[in-house]
Amino acid sequence: MLSGSSLRFVFLMASSALAMGQDQAPPSTPPADSTPAQTIALTVTRNTPLQVALDKEVRVRKVGQPVHGRLVLPVYAFNRMVVPAGAEVNGHIAQIAGLSGKKRTMGILNADFTPARKIDVEFDELVLADGRRIPFDAVVTPGSGQVMRLVSTRDEKKKKTVGDATSEKMDEAKEEARRQWREAMKQIKEPGKMHRLKEFAVTQSPYRRQYVQPGTRFVAELEGPLDFGETTRTSEQLVAVGNEPVPDSTLKARLVAEVSSATATRGTPVTAVLTEPLYSPTHQLILPANSRLIGQVVKAKSARKLHHNGELRVIFERIETSDEAVQALAQLQMQAQQAQAERSQAMVGNLEGVEVDRRANMQLDEEGAARTTDSKTRYLSSGLAVMLAAAASHTEVEHGTTEMAGPGVRTAAGGSGFRLTGALLSLMAKSTPVSMAIGAYGASMSIYANFLSRGHDVILPKDTPLEIGFGPPHAKAP
């Protein structure tokens, strides 16, 4: 066995011999790169939804009328943002549907002689900041109205660890995402107070024009892929792909199919797709976009009569790395079995945020369960309608004559039943029975709608944006 000094001597001798033979040896080629690069196509796949919000008010006039919106959420291909939030989207009104006899009759009974018609909108062009125009074909779902972001109560109660570098980096990333959201929303004009007051007055009129308000959200689902070139990644850059995310990481995803408390049962499968890549605290890619989150419904309660609302809770239990990442790992001469093994990993993910229509009246509890809530003004509005109906029917006998309710009471009672038309009719008729009838109708409809009718189900439509909190799977009991 050689000692340390002997080993050094042998090494020096070998080095000298190598140096002496360099003059006779032909020049050698440089060694090949130990980290070969793999080309990855930056393709936005078919069926990817583009979240578009109108940035201007549109008065509905005719088919072919142009509409203009902006992208609310950025679009990623693998780990690259290819279309930023705020990008312009051009389209047009494709169809204005007619009115059925039933809808027209119900509108007349509610003093609405110009019911809103269904409008089909098509978006067909992206305009990027550098002026590039990218045409596309998409299926556009109807506008969902003003969208609000719900946050679970657990997310609000999270405690931050002082001096925790990981927590600070996650906070910085979240703040950057919020900044991008605010910048995108600045470009979508919010109507002012006077404008909203004017809109309210118009909605009370029996005859009115139809408008689509700024901020109305549409989902344009691509019918074909969009090509944004390609990028290269080495094995060192992809070494963390498929690893377990840091606990309490937030995954941004979208639902693949609708989930409703009216039809779902315990165990109903739920699938979501990652819309933004996830990085480690050291800025290594862990999950590229289009990775899949697999879960199920763990609680579903449908709405019932007497205004009992629905409830829905979903958890995600497994992450599947995207096909693009698996192919890239395999082609970089990594072991295919290892790539396949890392493709799926267990998790426990609860809803921490969801974007829904403001009119849905939903909220998320600490466990991420979604439930619909009732308006806080339902008692006040129903009580006021009953009081107006009673006041309209109240008469006083004074000096041998019967005094009916005043014009203000009759007008208010009529307005509770048929809005502006009812108010004018009750005022002009100067008839107590007419005011009583209209007021009673308004009171009964208010009571039925707020207390006796069927409650509202929790409905998470297809492509609903989600924020899912990642946690490692629970240890199994022995």
Protein backbone atom coordinates (compact mmCIF):
# COMPACT_ATOMS: atom_id res chain seq x y z
CA MET A 1 0.00 0.00 0.00
CA LEU A 2 1.41 3.37 -1.02
CA SER A 3 1.86 6.14 1.51
CA GLY A 4 0.74 9.73 0.92
CA SER A 5 4.25 10.83 -0.16
CA SER A 6 4.53 7.89 -2.57
CA LEU A 7 1.20 8.80 -4.15
CA ARG A 8 2.37 12.39 -4.64
CA PHE A 9 5.57 11.12 -6.25
CA VAL A 10 3.72 8.87 -8.67
CA PHE A 11 1.36 11.75 -9.58
CA LEU A 12 4.31 14.11 -10.26
CA MET A 13 6.04 11.50 -12.41
CA ALA A 14 2.93 10.93 -14.45
CA SER A 15 2.42 14.68 -14.87
CA SER A 16 6.02 15.11 -16.10
CA ALA A 17 5.67 12.29 -18.60
CA LEU A 18 2.44 13.78 -19.88
CA ALA A 19 4.09 17.19 -20.28
CA MET A 20 7.03 15.67 -22.21
CA GLY A 21 4.72 13.87 -24.61
CA GLN A 22 2.58 16.89 -25.37
CA ASP A 23 4.91 18.04 -28.17
CA GLN A 24 4.50 14.77 -30.08
CA ALA A 25 0.77 14.25 -29.38
CA PRO A 26 -1.76 15.75 -31.85
CA PRO A 27 -3.95 18.57 -30.53
CA SER A 28 -6.95 17.12 -28.72
CA THR A 29 -10.55 18.37 -29.10
CA PRO A 30 -12.08 20.12 -26.09
CA PRO A 31 -14.16 17.84 -23.87
CA ALA A 32 -17.88 17.76 -24.52
CA ASP A 33 -20.16 19.76 -22.29
CA SER A 34 -21.16 17.65 -19.32
CA THR A 35 -24.55 19.36 -19.16
CA PRO A 36 -26.13 19.05 -22.63
CA ALA A 37 -29.06 21.36 -23.35
CA GLN A 38 -32.51 20.17 -24.33
CA THR A 39 -34.76 22.20 -26.63
CA ILE A 40 -38.26 22.72 -25.25
CA ALA A 41 -41.06 24.09 -27.40
CA LEU A 42 -42.88 27.12 -25.96
CA THR A 43 -46.36 26.11 -27.06
CA VAL A 44 -49.60 27.20 -25.46
CA THR A 45 -51.66 24.06 -25.82
CA ARG A 46 -55.15 23.69 -27.20
CA ASN A 47 -57.99 24.24 -24.69
CA THR A 48 -55.91 26.75 -22.71
CA PRO A 49 -58.31 29.45 -21.45
CA LEU A 50 -57.57 33.15 -21.86
CA GLN A 51 -59.16 35.23 -19.11
CA VAL A 52 -60.34 38.43 -20.80
CA ALA A 53 -62.04 41.46 -19.21
CA LEU A 54 -63.61 44.29 -21.19
CA ASP A 55 -61.87 47.62 -20.63
CA LYS A 56 -64.63 49.75 -22.15
CA GLU A 57 -68.39 49.91 -21.90
CA VAL A 58 -70.08 48.36 -24.93
CA ARG A 59 -73.53 49.47 -26.03
CA VAL A 60 -75.01 46.51 -27.88
CA ARG A 61 -76.07 47.62 -31.36
CA LYS A 62 -75.41 44.99 -34.05
CA VAL A 63 -73.62 41.79 -34.97
CA GLY A 64 -70.01 42.41 -35.97
CA GLN A 65 -69.61 45.34 -33.59
CA PRO A 66 -66.00 45.41 -32.31
CA VAL A 67 -65.21 44.81 -28.65
CA HIS A 68 -61.91 45.35 -26.86
CA GLY A 69 -60.54 43.75 -23.72
CA ARG A 70 -57.36 42.96 -21.85
CA LEU A 71 -55.87 39.76 -20.53
CA VAL A 72 -56.45 39.48 -16.79
CA LEU A 73 -54.05 36.60 -16.07
CA PRO A 74 -50.67 35.94 -17.74
CA VAL A 75 -50.16 32.91 -19.99
CA TYR A 76 -47.20 30.57 -19.47
CA ALA A 77 -45.61 27.90 -21.66
CA PHE A 78 -43.45 25.49 -19.62
CA ASN A 79 -41.73 28.02 -17.33
CA ARG A 80 -41.77 31.10 -19.60
CA MET A 81 -44.39 33.88 -19.54
CA VAL A 82 -45.31 34.24 -23.20
CA VAL A 83 -48.26 36.63 -22.85
CA PRO A 84 -48.31 39.10 -19.91
CA ALA A 85 -51.35 40.27 -18.01
CA GLY A 86 -52.76 43.44 -19.56
CA ALA A 87 -52.14 42.38 -23.16
CA GLU A 88 -54.81 43.69 -25.53
CA VAL A 89 -57.41 41.31 -26.94
CA ASN A 90 -59.61 42.23 -29.91
CA GLY A 91 -62.94 40.68 -30.79
CA HIS A 92 -66.49 41.38 -31.95
CA ILE A 93 -70.13 40.61 -31.21
CA ALA A 94 -70.87 37.37 -33.03
CA GLN A 95 -74.58 36.94 -32.30
CA ILE A 96 -77.50 38.68 -30.58
CA ALA A 97 -80.09 36.11 -29.56
CA GLY A 98 -83.81 36.66 -29.81
CA LEU A 99 -86.31 36.62 -26.94
CA SER A 100 -88.54 33.68 -26.18
CA GLY A 101 -92.21 34.25 -25.44
CA LYS A 102 -91.73 33.09 -21.85
CA LYS A 103 -88.89 35.51 -21.19
CA ARG A 104 -90.76 38.39 -22.77
CA THR A 105 -93.89 37.63 -20.72
CA MET A 106 -91.94 37.36 -17.47
CA GLY A 107 -90.25 40.65 -18.30
CA ILE A 108 -93.58 42.40 -18.86
CA LEU A 109 -94.90 41.03 -15.55
CA ASN A 110 -91.82 42.54 -13.89
CA ALA A 111 -92.30 45.87 -15.69
CA ASP A 112 -89.35 45.17 -17.99
CA PHE A 113 -90.37 45.62 -21.63
CA THR A 114 -86.82 45.31 -22.99
CA PRO A 115 -85.30 42.21 -21.34
CA ALA A 116 -81.60 41.69 -21.86
CA ARG A 117 -80.73 39.52 -24.83
CA LYS A 118 -78.02 36.89 -24.80
CA ILE A 119 -74.87 38.21 -26.45
CA ASP A 120 -72.24 35.94 -27.99
CA VAL A 121 -68.78 37.49 -28.17
CA GLU A 122 -65.79 36.19 -30.11
CA PHE A 123 -62.15 37.12 -29.46
CA ASP A 124 -59.69 36.44 -32.24
CA GLU A 125 -56.51 38.50 -31.82
CA LEU A 126 -53.82 39.16 -29.20
CA VAL A 127 -51.83 42.40 -29.37
CA LEU A 128 -48.52 42.31 -27.48
CA ALA A 129 -46.60 45.28 -26.11
CA ASP A 130 -44.08 45.16 -28.97
CA GLY A 131 -46.88 45.50 -31.53
CA ARG A 132 -47.02 41.84 -32.58
CA ARG A 133 -50.50 40.63 -33.46
CA ILE A 134 -51.27 36.97 -32.87
CA PRO A 135 -54.51 35.67 -34.39
CA PHE A 136 -56.25 32.76 -32.71
CA ASP A 137 -59.50 30.80 -32.73
CA ALA A 138 -61.35 30.30 -29.46
CA VAL A 139 -64.67 29.29 -27.95
CA VAL A 140 -65.86 32.10 -25.69
CA THR A 141 -68.16 31.44 -22.75
CA PRO A 142 -70.72 34.11 -21.77
CA GLY A 143 -69.60 36.99 -19.60
CA SER A 144 -69.57 36.22 -15.89
CA GLY A 145 -70.01 39.78 -14.66
CA GLN A 146 -67.74 41.42 -12.11
CA VAL A 147 -65.32 38.90 -10.58
CA MET A 148 -64.08 39.00 -7.00
CA ARG A 149 -61.24 37.12 -5.29
CA LEU A 150 -62.09 35.10 -2.20
CA VAL A 151 -59.42 34.25 0.39
CA SER A 152 -59.83 31.57 3.04
CA THR A 153 -59.82 32.60 6.67
CA ARG A 154 -56.82 30.33 7.26
CA ASP A 155 -54.83 32.32 4.75
CA GLU A 156 -55.64 35.49 6.65
CA LYS A 157 -54.50 33.92 9.95
CA LYS A 158 -51.13 32.64 8.74
CA LYS A 159 -48.31 33.74 11.04
CA LYS A 160 -45.04 34.87 9.54
CA THR A 161 -41.75 33.70 11.06
CA VAL A 162 -39.42 36.61 11.70
CA GLY A 163 -36.09 36.22 9.92
CA ASP A 164 -37.25 33.22 7.88
CA ALA A 165 -35.58 33.70 4.49
CA THR A 166 -37.92 31.27 2.75
CA SER A 167 -40.98 33.11 4.04
CA GLU A 168 -39.54 36.44 2.95
CA LYS A 169 -38.89 35.20 -0.59
CA MET A 170 -42.42 33.76 -0.82
CA ASP A 171 -43.83 37.08 0.37
CA GLU A 172 -41.80 38.91 -2.26
CA ALA A 173 -43.14 36.61 -4.98
CA LYS A 174 -46.73 37.11 -3.79
CA GLU A 175 -46.25 40.88 -3.67
CA GLU A 176 -44.91 40.83 -7.22
CA ALA A 177 -47.97 38.85 -8.33
CA ARG A 178 -50.24 41.38 -6.61
CA ARG A 179 -48.39 44.22 -8.33
CA GLN A 180 -48.92 42.62 -11.75
CA TRP A 181 -52.60 42.16 -10.92
CA ARG A 182 -52.98 45.82 -9.93
CA GLU A 183 -51.23 46.98 -13.08
CA ALA A 184 -53.53 44.87 -15.21
CA MET A 185 -56.61 46.14 -13.40
CA LYS A 186 -55.55 49.77 -13.85
CA GLN A 187 -56.13 49.32 -17.54
CA ILE A 188 -59.71 48.16 -16.97
CA LYS A 189 -61.63 51.33 -16.23
CA GLU A 190 -63.92 51.24 -13.22
CA PRO A 191 -67.16 53.23 -13.61
CA GLY A 192 -67.50 56.22 -11.30
CA LYS A 193 -70.19 56.90 -8.74
CA MET A 194 -72.29 59.10 -11.01
CA HIS A 195 -72.06 56.49 -13.74
CA ARG A 196 -73.26 53.76 -11.36
CA LEU A 197 -76.12 56.00 -10.20
CA LYS A 198 -77.12 56.57 -13.81
CA GLU A 199 -76.97 52.81 -14.44
CA PHE A 200 -79.26 52.15 -11.48
CA ALA A 201 -81.78 54.68 -12.76
CA VAL A 202 -81.67 53.11 -16.21
CA THR A 203 -82.23 49.59 -14.83
CA GLN A 204 -85.44 50.79 -13.18
CA SER A 205 -86.85 52.00 -16.50
CA PRO A 206 -89.19 49.70 -18.46
CA TYR A 207 -87.46 50.68 -21.73
CA ARG A 208 -83.66 50.78 -21.84
CA ARG A 209 -80.69 50.06 -24.05
CA GLN A 210 -78.49 47.07 -23.39
CA TYR A 211 -74.89 47.56 -22.30
CA VAL A 212 -72.00 45.27 -21.40
CA GLN A 213 -70.11 46.86 -18.53
CA PRO A 214 -66.33 47.32 -18.32
CA GLY A 215 -64.71 44.62 -16.23
CA THR A 216 -67.11 41.94 -17.47
CA ARG A 217 -65.10 38.71 -17.62
CA PHE A 218 -65.03 36.24 -20.51
CA VAL A 219 -63.15 32.98 -20.97
CA ALA A 220 -61.75 32.35 -24.45
CA GLU A 221 -60.71 28.69 -24.73
CA LEU A 222 -58.19 28.16 -27.52
CA GLU A 223 -59.24 25.81 -30.32
CA GLY A 224 -55.67 25.40 -31.51
CA PRO A 225 -52.14 25.75 -30.08
CA LEU A 226 -50.15 28.99 -30.14
CA ASP A 227 -46.44 28.76 -30.97
CA PHE A 228 -44.02 31.13 -29.22
CA GLY A 229 -40.76 29.57 -30.38
CA GLU A 230 -38.57 27.42 -28.16
CA THR A 231 -36.11 27.57 -25.27
CA THR A 232 -33.24 25.41 -24.01
CA ARG A 233 -32.72 23.99 -20.56
CA THR A 234 -29.83 21.92 -19.16
CA SER A 235 -29.99 19.06 -16.70
CA GLU A 236 -28.73 21.39 -13.96
CA GLN A 237 -31.65 23.73 -14.60
CA LEU A 238 -34.13 20.84 -14.49
CA VAL A 239 -32.60 18.91 -11.61
CA ALA A 240 -35.30 20.06 -9.15
CA VAL A 241 -38.27 19.35 -11.44
CA GLY A 242 -40.66 16.98 -9.71
CA ASN A 243 -39.29 17.64 -6.22
CA GLU A 244 -41.64 18.33 -3.35
CA PRO A 245 -42.57 22.01 -3.03
CA VAL A 246 -41.85 23.91 0.15
CA PRO A 247 -44.73 23.52 2.68
CA ASP A 248 -47.28 26.34 2.53
CA SER A 249 -46.39 27.05 -1.09
CA THR A 250 -49.25 28.48 -3.13
CA LEU A 251 -50.04 26.78 -6.44
CA LYS A 252 -51.98 28.79 -9.00
CA ALA A 253 -54.23 26.61 -11.12
CA ARG A 254 -57.55 26.36 -12.95
CA LEU A 255 -60.35 23.81 -12.84
CA VAL A 256 -60.54 21.40 -15.76
CA ALA A 257 -64.29 20.79 -15.33
CA GLU A 258 -67.17 22.36 -13.39
CA VAL A 259 -67.79 21.26 -9.81
CA SER A 260 -71.18 21.93 -8.20
CA SER A 261 -72.64 21.11 -4.81
CA ALA A 262 -75.90 20.22 -6.61
CA THR A 263 -74.40 17.25 -8.48
CA ALA A 264 -71.14 16.32 -6.71
CA THR A 265 -70.90 13.64 -4.04
CA ARG A 266 -68.15 12.57 -1.69
CA GLY A 267 -65.35 11.06 -3.78
CA THR A 268 -66.18 12.88 -7.02
CA PRO A 269 -62.81 13.35 -8.80
CA VAL A 270 -61.55 16.88 -9.35
CA THR A 271 -58.67 17.92 -11.62
CA ALA A 272 -56.86 21.23 -11.90
CA VAL A 273 -54.03 22.40 -14.15
CA LEU A 274 -51.17 24.60 -12.99
CA THR A 275 -51.32 27.97 -14.77
CA GLU A 276 -48.02 29.35 -13.43
CA PRO A 277 -44.72 27.54 -12.81
CA LEU A 278 -43.58 26.97 -9.24
CA TYR A 279 -40.01 27.66 -8.13
CA SER A 280 -38.04 26.70 -5.04
CA PRO A 281 -36.66 29.33 -2.63
CA THR A 282 -33.35 29.00 -4.52
CA HIS A 283 -35.15 29.85 -7.80
CA GLN A 284 -35.00 26.33 -9.23
CA LEU A 285 -37.95 25.13 -11.29
CA ILE A 286 -40.04 22.56 -9.40
CA LEU A 287 -43.31 22.41 -11.33
CA PRO A 288 -43.72 23.81 -14.84
CA ALA A 289 -47.01 25.13 -16.12
CA ASN A 290 -49.58 22.51 -17.19
CA SER A 291 -48.68 20.19 -14.32
CA ARG A 292 -51.86 18.48 -13.09
CA LEU A 293 -53.33 18.46 -9.58
CA ILE A 294 -55.57 15.49 -8.83
CA GLY A 295 -58.10 15.59 -5.99
CA GLN A 296 -61.63 14.81 -4.95
CA VAL A 297 -64.72 16.21 -3.28
CA VAL A 298 -64.73 15.43 0.44
CA LYS A 299 -67.95 17.26 1.32
CA ALA A 300 -70.95 18.24 -0.79
CA LYS A 301 -74.26 19.57 0.46
CA SER A 302 -76.82 20.67 -2.10
CA ALA A 303 -79.13 23.63 -1.60
CA ARG A 304 -82.57 22.92 -0.15
CA LYS A 305 -85.90 24.61 0.31
CA LEU A 306 -86.49 27.38 2.84
CA HIS A 307 -83.34 29.05 1.51
CA HIS A 308 -80.81 26.54 2.84
CA ASN A 309 -77.65 27.12 0.80
CA GLY A 310 -75.18 24.59 -0.55
CA GLU A 311 -71.66 23.76 0.63
CA LEU A 312 -68.67 22.22 -1.13
CA ARG A 313 -65.17 21.20 -0.04
CA VAL A 314 -62.42 19.98 -2.35
CA ILE A 315 -58.92 18.74 -1.52
CA PHE A 316 -56.04 17.87 -3.85
CA GLU A 317 -54.02 14.75 -3.11
CA ARG A 318 -51.51 14.28 -5.93
CA ILE A 319 -49.33 16.29 -8.31
CA GLU A 320 -48.44 15.04 -11.78
CA THR A 321 -45.57 16.79 -13.56
CA SER A 322 -46.35 17.98 -17.07
CA ASP A 323 -45.61 15.80 -20.10
CA GLU A 324 -43.17 18.40 -21.43
CA ALA A 325 -41.06 18.13 -18.28
CA VAL A 326 -41.03 14.33 -18.34
CA GLN A 327 -39.93 14.29 -21.99
CA ALA A 328 -37.22 16.87 -21.33
CA LEU A 329 -35.83 14.84 -18.42
CA ALA A 330 -35.82 11.65 -20.45
CA GLN A 331 -34.10 13.26 -23.46
CA LEU A 332 -31.39 14.73 -21.23
CA GLN A 333 -30.21 11.13 -20.67
CA MET A 334 -31.67 11.02 -17.20
CA GLN A 335 -33.14 7.71 -16.17
CA ALA A 336 -36.64 7.40 -17.57
CA GLN A 337 -37.75 5.38 -14.57
CA GLN A 338 -36.66 8.16 -12.24
CA ALA A 339 -38.47 10.74 -14.36
CA GLN A 340 -41.63 8.66 -14.30
CA ALA A 341 -41.34 8.10 -10.55
CA GLU A 342 -40.95 11.81 -9.93
CA ARG A 343 -43.90 12.59 -12.18
CA SER A 344 -46.43 11.83 -9.42
CA GLN A 345 -46.16 12.76 -5.76
CA ALA A 346 -48.58 12.89 -2.87
CA MET A 347 -49.81 16.14 -1.35
CA VAL A 348 -52.58 17.68 0.71
CA GLY A 349 -53.89 20.83 -0.93
CA ASN A 350 -56.77 23.01 0.26
CA LEU A 351 -58.38 25.93 -1.51
CA GLU A 352 -56.90 29.18 -0.25
CA GLY A 353 -58.23 31.46 -2.96
CA VAL A 354 -60.76 31.38 -5.78
CA GLU A 355 -62.09 33.92 -8.27
CA VAL A 356 -65.86 33.84 -8.67
CA ASP A 357 -68.69 36.02 -9.89
CA ARG A 358 -69.48 38.71 -7.34
CA ARG A 359 -73.16 37.79 -7.53
CA ALA A 360 -72.42 34.23 -6.32
CA ASN A 361 -72.23 35.43 -2.67
CA MET A 362 -69.60 32.84 -1.76
CA GLN A 363 -67.02 32.60 1.00
CA LEU A 364 -64.20 30.22 2.01
CA ASP A 365 -63.79 29.00 5.58
CA GLU A 366 -60.59 28.01 7.39
CA GLU A 367 -60.58 24.51 5.84
CA GLY A 368 -61.08 25.81 2.31
CA ALA A 369 -64.74 24.79 2.12
CA ALA A 370 -66.84 27.03 -0.14
CA ARG A 371 -70.38 27.97 0.81
CA THR A 372 -72.91 30.47 -0.42
CA THR A 373 -74.18 33.16 1.90
CA ASP A 374 -77.33 35.23 2.03
CA SER A 375 -77.42 38.97 1.59
CA LYS A 376 -77.19 40.84 4.88
CA THR A 377 -79.98 43.15 3.72
CA ARG A 378 -82.59 40.46 3.07
CA TYR A 379 -84.31 41.06 6.44
CA LEU A 380 -84.29 44.80 5.88
CA SER A 381 -85.57 44.64 2.31
CA SER A 382 -88.35 42.16 3.12
CA GLY A 383 -89.38 44.07 6.24
CA LEU A 384 -89.45 47.33 4.31
CA ALA A 385 -91.62 45.78 1.58
CA VAL A 386 -94.10 44.49 4.18
CA MET A 387 -94.19 47.87 5.92
CA LEU A 388 -94.87 49.69 2.64
CA ALA A 389 -97.66 47.26 1.74
CA ALA A 390 -99.22 47.74 5.17
CA ALA A 391 -98.86 51.53 4.98
CA ALA A 392 -100.49 51.60 1.53
CA SER A 393 -103.52 49.72 2.87
CA HIS A 394 -103.82 51.85 6.00
CA THR A 395 -106.63 54.43 6.01
CA GLU A 396 -107.76 56.91 8.65
CA VAL A 397 -111.29 58.11 9.35
CA GLU A 398 -111.31 61.78 10.33
CA HIS A 399 -114.29 64.19 10.42
CA GLY A 400 -116.49 61.58 8.77
CA THR A 401 -114.18 61.12 5.74
CA THR A 402 -111.73 58.37 4.90
CA GLU A 403 -108.15 59.49 4.26
CA MET A 404 -106.10 57.16 2.08
CA ALA A 405 -102.33 56.81 2.24
CA GLY A 406 -100.29 59.74 1.01
CA PRO A 407 -98.71 59.90 -2.46
CA GLY A 408 -95.24 59.18 -1.09
CA VAL A 409 -96.36 55.94 0.56
CA ARG A 410 -98.30 54.84 -2.53
CA THR A 411 -95.31 55.56 -4.78
CA ALA A 412 -92.93 53.60 -2.55
CA ALA A 413 -95.35 50.67 -2.30
CA GLY A 414 -95.73 50.56 -6.07
CA GLY A 415 -91.97 50.70 -6.54
CA SER A 416 -91.48 47.65 -4.30
CA GLY A 417 -93.72 45.64 -6.62
CA PHE A 418 -92.92 46.78 -10.17
CA ARG A 419 -90.00 49.18 -9.73
CA LEU A 420 -90.32 52.50 -11.58
CA THR A 421 -93.38 51.44 -13.56
CA GLY A 422 -95.21 50.36 -10.39
CA ALA A 423 -94.28 53.57 -8.61
CA LEU A 424 -95.66 55.77 -11.43
CA LEU A 425 -98.78 53.64 -11.81
CA SER A 426 -99.56 53.74 -8.11
CA LEU A 427 -98.97 57.51 -7.95
CA MET A 428 -101.12 58.31 -10.96
CA ALA A 429 -103.97 55.93 -10.09
CA LYS A 430 -104.57 57.57 -6.70
CA SER A 431 -106.28 54.34 -5.73
CA THR A 432 -105.76 52.57 -2.42
CA PRO A 433 -106.71 49.11 -3.81
CA VAL A 434 -104.16 49.51 -6.64
CA SER A 435 -101.40 50.54 -4.23
CA MET A 436 -102.37 47.70 -1.87
CA ALA A 437 -102.24 45.12 -4.65
CA ILE A 438 -98.88 46.25 -6.02
CA GLY A 439 -97.38 46.57 -2.54
CA ALA A 440 -98.67 43.13 -1.50
CA TYR A 441 -97.19 41.61 -4.66
CA GLY A 442 -93.79 43.19 -3.93
CA ALA A 443 -93.84 42.05 -0.29
CA SER A 444 -94.80 38.48 -1.16
CA MET A 445 -92.13 38.22 -3.86
CA SER A 446 -89.49 39.58 -1.47
CA ILE A 447 -90.43 37.09 1.26
CA TYR A 448 -90.47 34.18 -1.17
CA ALA A 449 -87.11 35.10 -2.74
CA ASN A 450 -85.35 35.69 0.58
CA PHE A 451 -86.84 33.02 2.86
CA LEU A 452 -89.04 30.42 1.13
CA SER A 453 -87.35 29.66 -2.17
CA ARG A 454 -84.60 27.10 -2.70
CA GLY A 455 -81.16 28.23 -1.60
CA HIS A 456 -78.13 28.72 -3.82
CA ASP A 457 -75.68 25.95 -4.71
CA VAL A 458 -71.91 26.38 -4.76
CA ILE A 459 -70.83 26.27 -8.39
CA LEU A 460 -67.20 26.47 -9.46
CA PRO A 461 -67.33 26.76 -13.28
CA LYS A 462 -64.82 25.24 -15.65
CA ASP A 463 -61.53 27.20 -15.82
CA THR A 464 -62.17 28.90 -12.46
CA PRO A 465 -58.82 30.36 -11.22
CA LEU A 466 -57.73 28.71 -7.96
CA GLU A 467 -55.03 29.21 -5.35
CA ILE A 468 -54.14 25.92 -3.65
CA GLY A 469 -52.03 25.70 -0.51
CA PHE A 470 -49.52 22.82 -0.69
CA GLY A 471 -48.82 20.60 2.30
CA PRO A 472 -46.99 17.26 2.57
CA PRO A 473 -49.25 14.20 2.93
CA HIS A 474 -50.23 13.21 6.44
CA ALA A 475 -48.35 10.29 7.95
CA LYS A 476 -50.42 7.13 8.02
CA ALA A 477 -51.43 5.81 11.41
CA PRO A 478 -49.71 2.51 12.40
